[in-house]
Amino acid sequence: QVQLVESGGGLVQAGGSLRLSCAASGPTVSSSDMGWFRQAPGKERECVAAISWRGGSPYYADSVKGRFTISRDNARNRVFLQMNKLKPEDTAVYYCAARLATRVIATTSGLYESWGQGTQVTVSS
Protein backbone atom coordinates (compact mmCIF):
# COMPACT_ATOMS: atom_id res chain seq x y z
CA GLN A 1 0.00 0.00 0.00
CA VAL A 2 0.87 3.64 -0.36
CA GLN A 3 0.92 6.10 2.51
CA LEU A 4 -0.42 9.56 1.66
CA VAL A 5 -0.31 12.87 3.52
CA GLU A 6 -2.09 15.94 2.17
CA SER A 7 -1.30 19.55 2.94
CA GLY A 8 -2.14 23.01 1.65
CA GLY A 9 -5.80 23.39 2.48
CA GLY A 10 -7.23 26.47 4.10
CA LEU A 11 -9.63 29.36 3.87
CA VAL A 12 -9.64 31.51 0.75
CA GLN A 13 -11.96 34.05 -0.81
CA ALA A 14 -13.84 33.29 -3.98
CA GLY A 15 -11.61 33.88 -6.99
CA GLY A 16 -8.50 32.98 -5.05
CA SER A 17 -6.07 30.09 -5.40
CA LEU A 18 -4.73 27.24 -3.32
CA ARG A 19 -2.19 24.53 -4.04
CA LEU A 20 -2.68 21.15 -2.44
CA SER A 21 0.25 18.81 -2.03
CA CYS A 22 0.24 15.07 -1.40
CA ALA A 23 3.37 13.34 -0.14
CA ALA A 24 3.39 9.66 -1.03
CA SER A 25 5.52 6.83 0.30
CA GLY A 26 5.59 3.08 -0.17
CA PRO A 27 7.02 0.50 -2.55
CA THR A 28 4.44 1.00 -5.30
CA VAL A 29 4.29 4.79 -5.44
CA SER A 30 6.06 5.12 -8.77
CA SER A 31 3.63 2.72 -10.43
CA SER A 32 0.46 4.17 -8.97
CA ASP A 33 -2.19 6.30 -10.58
CA MET A 34 -3.06 9.23 -8.35
CA GLY A 35 -6.32 11.05 -7.82
CA TRP A 36 -7.70 14.01 -5.96
CA PHE A 37 -11.19 13.58 -4.55
CA ARG A 38 -13.40 15.88 -2.55
CA GLN A 39 -16.36 15.43 -0.29
CA ALA A 40 -18.70 18.18 0.83
CA PRO A 41 -21.14 17.73 3.72
CA GLY A 42 -24.10 15.61 2.68
CA LYS A 43 -22.57 14.78 -0.70
CA GLU A 44 -20.81 11.80 -2.16
CA ARG A 45 -17.07 11.76 -2.62
CA GLU A 46 -16.21 12.78 -6.16
CA CYS A 47 -13.08 12.66 -8.25
CA VAL A 48 -11.97 16.11 -9.32
CA ALA A 49 -8.72 15.13 -11.03
CA ALA A 50 -6.58 12.06 -11.66
CA ILE A 51 -3.27 11.35 -13.33
CA SER A 52 -1.62 8.21 -14.58
CA TRP A 53 1.77 7.06 -13.30
CA ARG A 54 2.91 7.40 -16.91
CA GLY A 55 1.88 11.04 -17.10
CA GLY A 56 -0.16 11.81 -20.18
CA SER A 57 -3.54 13.52 -20.28
CA PRO A 58 -5.08 13.80 -16.82
CA TYR A 59 -8.77 13.49 -16.00
CA TYR A 60 -10.73 16.49 -14.73
CA ALA A 61 -14.30 16.71 -13.58
CA ASP A 62 -16.34 19.11 -15.68
CA SER A 63 -16.86 21.35 -12.68
CA VAL A 64 -13.13 22.09 -12.36
CA LYS A 65 -11.91 22.01 -15.96
CA GLY A 66 -9.93 25.12 -16.79
CA ARG A 67 -9.49 25.99 -13.10
CA PHE A 68 -7.69 23.03 -11.51
CA THR A 69 -4.44 21.41 -12.61
CA ILE A 70 -3.09 18.09 -11.35
CA SER A 71 0.59 17.30 -11.63
CA ARG A 72 3.06 14.85 -10.16
CA ASP A 73 6.74 14.88 -9.34
CA ASN A 74 7.81 11.25 -9.42
CA ALA A 75 11.33 12.10 -8.26
CA ARG A 76 9.94 13.51 -5.02
CA ASN A 77 6.89 11.22 -4.80
CA ARG A 78 4.51 14.15 -4.69
CA VAL A 79 1.23 14.99 -6.38
CA PHE A 80 -0.16 18.49 -6.56
CA LEU A 81 -3.52 20.08 -7.22
CA GLN A 82 -3.34 23.71 -8.25
CA MET A 83 -6.76 25.28 -7.73
CA ASN A 84 -7.46 28.66 -9.30
CA LYS A 85 -10.57 30.79 -9.55
CA LEU A 86 -12.02 29.02 -6.55
CA LYS A 87 -15.75 29.11 -5.97
CA PRO A 88 -17.80 28.61 -2.79
CA GLU A 89 -19.05 25.32 -4.24
CA ASP A 90 -15.45 24.04 -4.19
CA THR A 91 -15.65 23.96 -0.40
CA ALA A 92 -15.02 20.39 0.74
CA VAL A 93 -12.52 18.05 2.34
CA TYR A 94 -10.00 17.13 -0.33
CA TYR A 95 -8.38 13.69 -0.35
CA CYS A 96 -5.38 12.31 -2.18
CA ALA A 97 -5.75 8.71 -3.33
CA ALA A 98 -3.59 6.10 -5.02
CA ARG A 99 -4.12 2.83 -6.86
CA LEU A 100 -1.89 0.47 -8.77
CA ALA A 101 -1.85 1.65 -12.35
CA THR A 102 -4.08 0.09 -14.97
CA ARG A 103 -4.72 0.96 -18.58
CA VAL A 104 -7.44 3.46 -17.77
CA ILE A 105 -7.39 6.17 -15.10
CA ALA A 106 -10.03 5.42 -12.50
CA THR A 107 -12.44 8.07 -11.27
CA THR A 108 -14.47 5.93 -8.87
CA SER A 109 -13.44 6.20 -5.24
CA GLY A 110 -13.99 2.50 -4.58
CA LEU A 111 -11.24 1.60 -7.04
CA TYR A 112 -8.56 3.44 -5.10
CA GLU A 113 -6.65 1.45 -2.52
CA SER A 114 -4.89 4.10 -0.47
CA TRP A 115 -6.17 7.38 0.97
CA GLY A 116 -4.79 10.35 2.82
CA GLN A 117 -6.44 11.86 5.87
CA GLY A 118 -7.90 14.77 3.93
CA THR A 119 -7.43 18.53 4.04
CA GLN A 120 -10.19 21.10 4.39
CA VAL A 121 -10.69 23.71 1.69
CA THR A 122 -13.14 26.50 2.46
CA VAL A 123 -14.01 29.15 -0.10
CA SER A 124 -15.87 32.17 1.19
CA SER A 125 -18.14 34.26 -1.00
C-alpha atoms as a PDB file:
ATOM      1  CA  GLN A   1       0.000   0.000   0.000  1.00  0.00           C
ATOM      2  CA  VAL A   2       0.874   3.640  -0.360  1.00  0.00           C
ATOM      3  CA  GLN A   3       0.915   6.103   2.515  1.00  0.00           C
ATOM      4  CA  LEU A   4      -0.419   9.556   1.665  1.00  0.00           C
ATOM      5  CA  VAL A   5      -0.313  12.867   3.521  1.00  0.00           C
ATOM      6  CA  GLU A   6      -2.091  15.940   2.168  1.00  0.00           C
ATOM      7  CA  SER A   7      -1.296  19.554   2.944  1.00  0.00           C
ATOM      8  CA  GLY A   8      -2.135  23.005   1.647  1.00  0.00           C
ATOM      9  CA  GLY A   9      -5.796  23.385   2.479  1.00  0.00           C
ATOM     10  CA  GLY A  10      -7.229  26.472   4.104  1.00  0.00           C
ATOM     11  CA  LEU A  11      -9.634  29.362   3.870  1.00  0.00           C
ATOM     12  CA  VAL A  12      -9.645  31.506   0.746  1.00  0.00           C
ATOM     13  CA  GLN A  13     -11.962  34.053  -0.806  1.00  0.00           C
ATOM     14  CA  ALA A  14     -13.843  33.292  -3.984  1.00  0.00           C
ATOM     15  CA  GLY A  15     -11.611  33.876  -6.992  1.00  0.00           C
ATOM     16  CA  GLY A  16      -8.497  32.983  -5.050  1.00  0.00           C
ATOM     17  CA  SER A  17      -6.075  30.092  -5.397  1.00  0.00           C
ATOM     18  CA  LEU A  18      -4.732  27.237  -3.319  1.00  0.00           C
ATOM     19  CA  ARG A  19      -2.188  24.527  -4.040  1.00  0.00           C
ATOM     20  CA  LEU A  20      -2.677  21.146  -2.436  1.00  0.00           C
ATOM     21  CA  SER A  21       0.246  18.809  -2.025  1.00  0.00           C
ATOM     22  CA  CYS A  22       0.245  15.072  -1.404  1.00  0.00           C
ATOM     23  CA  ALA A  23       3.369  13.340  -0.139  1.00  0.00           C
ATOM     24  CA  ALA A  24       3.390   9.659  -1.031  1.00  0.00           C
ATOM     25  CA  SER A  25       5.516   6.832   0.296  1.00  0.00           C
ATOM     26  CA  GLY A  26       5.591   3.083  -0.167  1.00  0.00           C
ATOM     27  CA  PRO A  27       7.016   0.501  -2.553  1.00  0.00           C
ATOM     28  CA  THR A  28       4.439   1.002  -5.304  1.00  0.00           C
ATOM     29  CA  VAL A  29       4.287   4.791  -5.444  1.00  0.00           C
ATOM     30  CA  SER A  30       6.061   5.117  -8.770  1.00  0.00           C
ATOM     31  CA  SER A  31       3.630   2.717 -10.430  1.00  0.00           C
ATOM     32  CA  SER A  32       0.456   4.167  -8.975  1.00  0.00           C
ATOM     33  CA  ASP A  33      -2.188   6.297 -10.579  1.00  0.00           C
ATOM     34  CA  MET A  34      -3.063   9.229  -8.347  1.00  0.00           C
ATOM     35  CA  GLY A  35      -6.318  11.047  -7.824  1.00  0.00           C
ATOM     36  CA  TRP A  36      -7.695  14.012  -5.955  1.00  0.00           C
ATOM     37  CA  PHE A  37     -11.187  13.578  -4.553  1.00  0.00           C
ATOM     38  CA  ARG A  38     -13.402  15.877  -2.547  1.00  0.00           C
ATOM     39  CA  GLN A  39     -16.365  15.426  -0.290  1.00  0.00           C
ATOM     40  CA  ALA A  40     -18.698  18.183   0.830  1.00  0.00           C
ATOM     41  CA  PRO A  41     -21.144  17.731   3.723  1.00  0.00           C
ATOM     42  CA  GLY A  42     -24.097  15.609   2.678  1.00  0.00           C
ATOM     43  CA  LYS A  43     -22.570  14.781  -0.696  1.00  0.00           C
ATOM     44  CA  GLU A  44     -20.807  11.801  -2.160  1.00  0.00           C
ATOM     45  CA  ARG A  45     -17.068  11.756  -2.616  1.00  0.00           C
ATOM     46  CA  GLU A  46     -16.206  12.780  -6.161  1.00  0.00           C
ATOM     47  CA  CYS A  47     -13.077  12.659  -8.246  1.00  0.00           C
ATOM     48  CA  VAL A  48     -11.975  16.112  -9.319  1.00  0.00           C
ATOM     49  CA  ALA A  49      -8.715  15.126 -11.027  1.00  0.00           C
ATOM     50  CA  ALA A  50      -6.582  12.063 -11.656  1.00  0.00           C
ATOM     51  CA  ILE A  51      -3.273  11.351 -13.327  1.00  0.00           C
ATOM     52  CA  SER A  52      -1.616   8.209 -14.579  1.00  0.00           C
ATOM     53  CA  TRP A  53       1.765   7.064 -13.302  1.00  0.00           C
ATOM     54  CA  ARG A  54       2.910   7.400 -16.911  1.00  0.00           C
ATOM     55  CA  GLY A  55       1.881  11.042 -17.099  1.00  0.00           C
ATOM     56  CA  GLY A  56      -0.165  11.813 -20.175  1.00  0.00           C
ATOM     57  CA  SER A  57      -3.539  13.521 -20.276  1.00  0.00           C
ATOM     58  CA  PRO A  58      -5.084  13.804 -16.817  1.00  0.00           C
ATOM     59  CA  TYR A  59      -8.766  13.495 -15.997  1.00  0.00           C
ATOM     60  CA  TYR A  60     -10.726  16.489 -14.733  1.00  0.00           C
ATOM     61  CA  ALA A  61     -14.298  16.707 -13.577  1.00  0.00           C
ATOM     62  CA  ASP A  62     -16.337  19.108 -15.681  1.00  0.00           C
ATOM     63  CA  SER A  63     -16.863  21.346 -12.676  1.00  0.00           C
ATOM     64  CA  VAL A  64     -13.126  22.087 -12.359  1.00  0.00           C
ATOM     65  CA  LYS A  65     -11.907  22.014 -15.956  1.00  0.00           C
ATOM     66  CA  GLY A  66      -9.930  25.123 -16.789  1.00  0.00           C
ATOM     67  CA  ARG A  67      -9.493  25.993 -13.098  1.00  0.00           C
ATOM     68  CA  PHE A  68      -7.687  23.033 -11.506  1.00  0.00           C
ATOM     69  CA  THR A  69      -4.443  21.410 -12.606  1.00  0.00           C
ATOM     70  CA  ILE A  70      -3.094  18.090 -11.348  1.00  0.00           C
ATOM     71  CA  SER A  71       0.588  17.298 -11.626  1.00  0.00           C
ATOM     72  CA  ARG A  72       3.055  14.848 -10.158  1.00  0.00           C
ATOM     73  CA  ASP A  73       6.736  14.881  -9.342  1.00  0.00           C
ATOM     74  CA  ASN A  74       7.811  11.250  -9.421  1.00  0.00           C
ATOM     75  CA  ALA A  75      11.329  12.101  -8.259  1.00  0.00           C
ATOM     76  CA  ARG A  76       9.935  13.509  -5.019  1.00  0.00           C
ATOM     77  CA  ASN A  77       6.887  11.221  -4.797  1.00  0.00           C
ATOM     78  CA  ARG A  78       4.507  14.147  -4.691  1.00  0.00           C
ATOM     79  CA  VAL A  79       1.234  14.991  -6.376  1.00  0.00           C
ATOM     80  CA  PHE A  80      -0.158  18.493  -6.559  1.00  0.00           C
ATOM     81  CA  LEU A  81      -3.516  20.082  -7.216  1.00  0.00           C
ATOM     82  CA  GLN A  82      -3.343  23.710  -8.254  1.00  0.00           C
ATOM     83  CA  MET A  83      -6.759  25.283  -7.730  1.00  0.00           C
ATOM     84  CA  ASN A  84      -7.456  28.656  -9.301  1.00  0.00           C
ATOM     85  CA  LYS A  85     -10.573  30.786  -9.549  1.00  0.00           C
ATOM     86  CA  LEU A  86     -12.022  29.015  -6.552  1.00  0.00           C
ATOM     87  CA  LYS A  87     -15.752  29.110  -5.971  1.00  0.00           C
ATOM     88  CA  PRO A  88     -17.797  28.611  -2.787  1.00  0.00           C
ATOM     89  CA  GLU A  89     -19.047  25.319  -4.242  1.00  0.00           C
ATOM     90  CA  ASP A  90     -15.448  24.041  -4.188  1.00  0.00           C
ATOM     91  CA  THR A  91     -15.649  23.959  -0.395  1.00  0.00           C
ATOM     92  CA  ALA A  92     -15.017  20.389   0.743  1.00  0.00           C
ATOM     93  CA  VAL A  93     -12.520  18.054   2.337  1.00  0.00           C
ATOM     94  CA  TYR A  94      -9.996  17.128  -0.330  1.00  0.00           C
ATOM     95  CA  TYR A  95      -8.382  13.692  -0.348  1.00  0.00           C
ATOM     96  CA  CYS A  96      -5.383  12.313  -2.177  1.00  0.00           C
ATOM     97  CA  ALA A  97      -5.747   8.711  -3.332  1.00  0.00           C
ATOM     98  CA  ALA A  98      -3.593   6.095  -5.024  1.00  0.00           C
ATOM     99  CA  ARG A  99      -4.117   2.827  -6.863  1.00  0.00           C
ATOM    100  CA  LEU A 100      -1.889   0.472  -8.767  1.00  0.00           C
ATOM    101  CA  ALA A 101      -1.854   1.651 -12.354  1.00  0.00           C
ATOM    102  CA  THR A 102      -4.079   0.087 -14.966  1.00  0.00           C
ATOM    103  CA  ARG A 103      -4.724   0.958 -18.578  1.00  0.00           C
ATOM    104  CA  VAL A 104      -7.442   3.464 -17.769  1.00  0.00           C
ATOM    105  CA  ILE A 105      -7.392   6.173 -15.097  1.00  0.00           C
ATOM    106  CA  ALA A 106     -10.030   5.416 -12.496  1.00  0.00           C
ATOM    107  CA  THR A 107     -12.435   8.069 -11.273  1.00  0.00           C
ATOM    108  CA  THR A 108     -14.466   5.926  -8.871  1.00  0.00           C
ATOM    109  CA  SER A 109     -13.440   6.197  -5.243  1.00  0.00           C
ATOM    110  CA  GLY A 110     -13.992   2.502  -4.578  1.00  0.00           C
ATOM    111  CA  LEU A 111     -11.236   1.597  -7.035  1.00  0.00           C
ATOM    112  CA  TYR A 112      -8.559   3.440  -5.095  1.00  0.00           C
ATOM    113  CA  GLU A 113      -6.652   1.446  -2.520  1.00  0.00           C
ATOM    114  CA  SER A 114      -4.893   4.102  -0.469  1.00  0.00           C
ATOM    115  CA  TRP A 115      -6.172   7.378   0.966  1.00  0.00           C
ATOM    116  CA  GLY A 116      -4.794  10.351   2.816  1.00  0.00           C
ATOM    117  CA  GLN A 117      -6.443  11.856   5.870  1.00  0.00           C
ATOM    118  CA  GLY A 118      -7.903  14.772   3.932  1.00  0.00           C
ATOM    119  CA  THR A 119      -7.426  18.527   4.038  1.00  0.00           C
ATOM    120  CA  GLN A 120     -10.192  21.101   4.392  1.00  0.00           C
ATOM    121  CA  VAL A 121     -10.689  23.706   1.687  1.00  0.00           C
ATOM    122  CA  THR A 122     -13.135  26.495   2.461  1.00  0.00           C
ATOM    123  CA  VAL A 123     -14.006  29.150  -0.100  1.00  0.00           C
ATOM    124  CA  SER A 124     -15.874  32.169   1.187  1.00  0.00           C
ATOM    125  CA  SER A 125     -18.140  34.263  -0.995  1.00  0.00           C
END
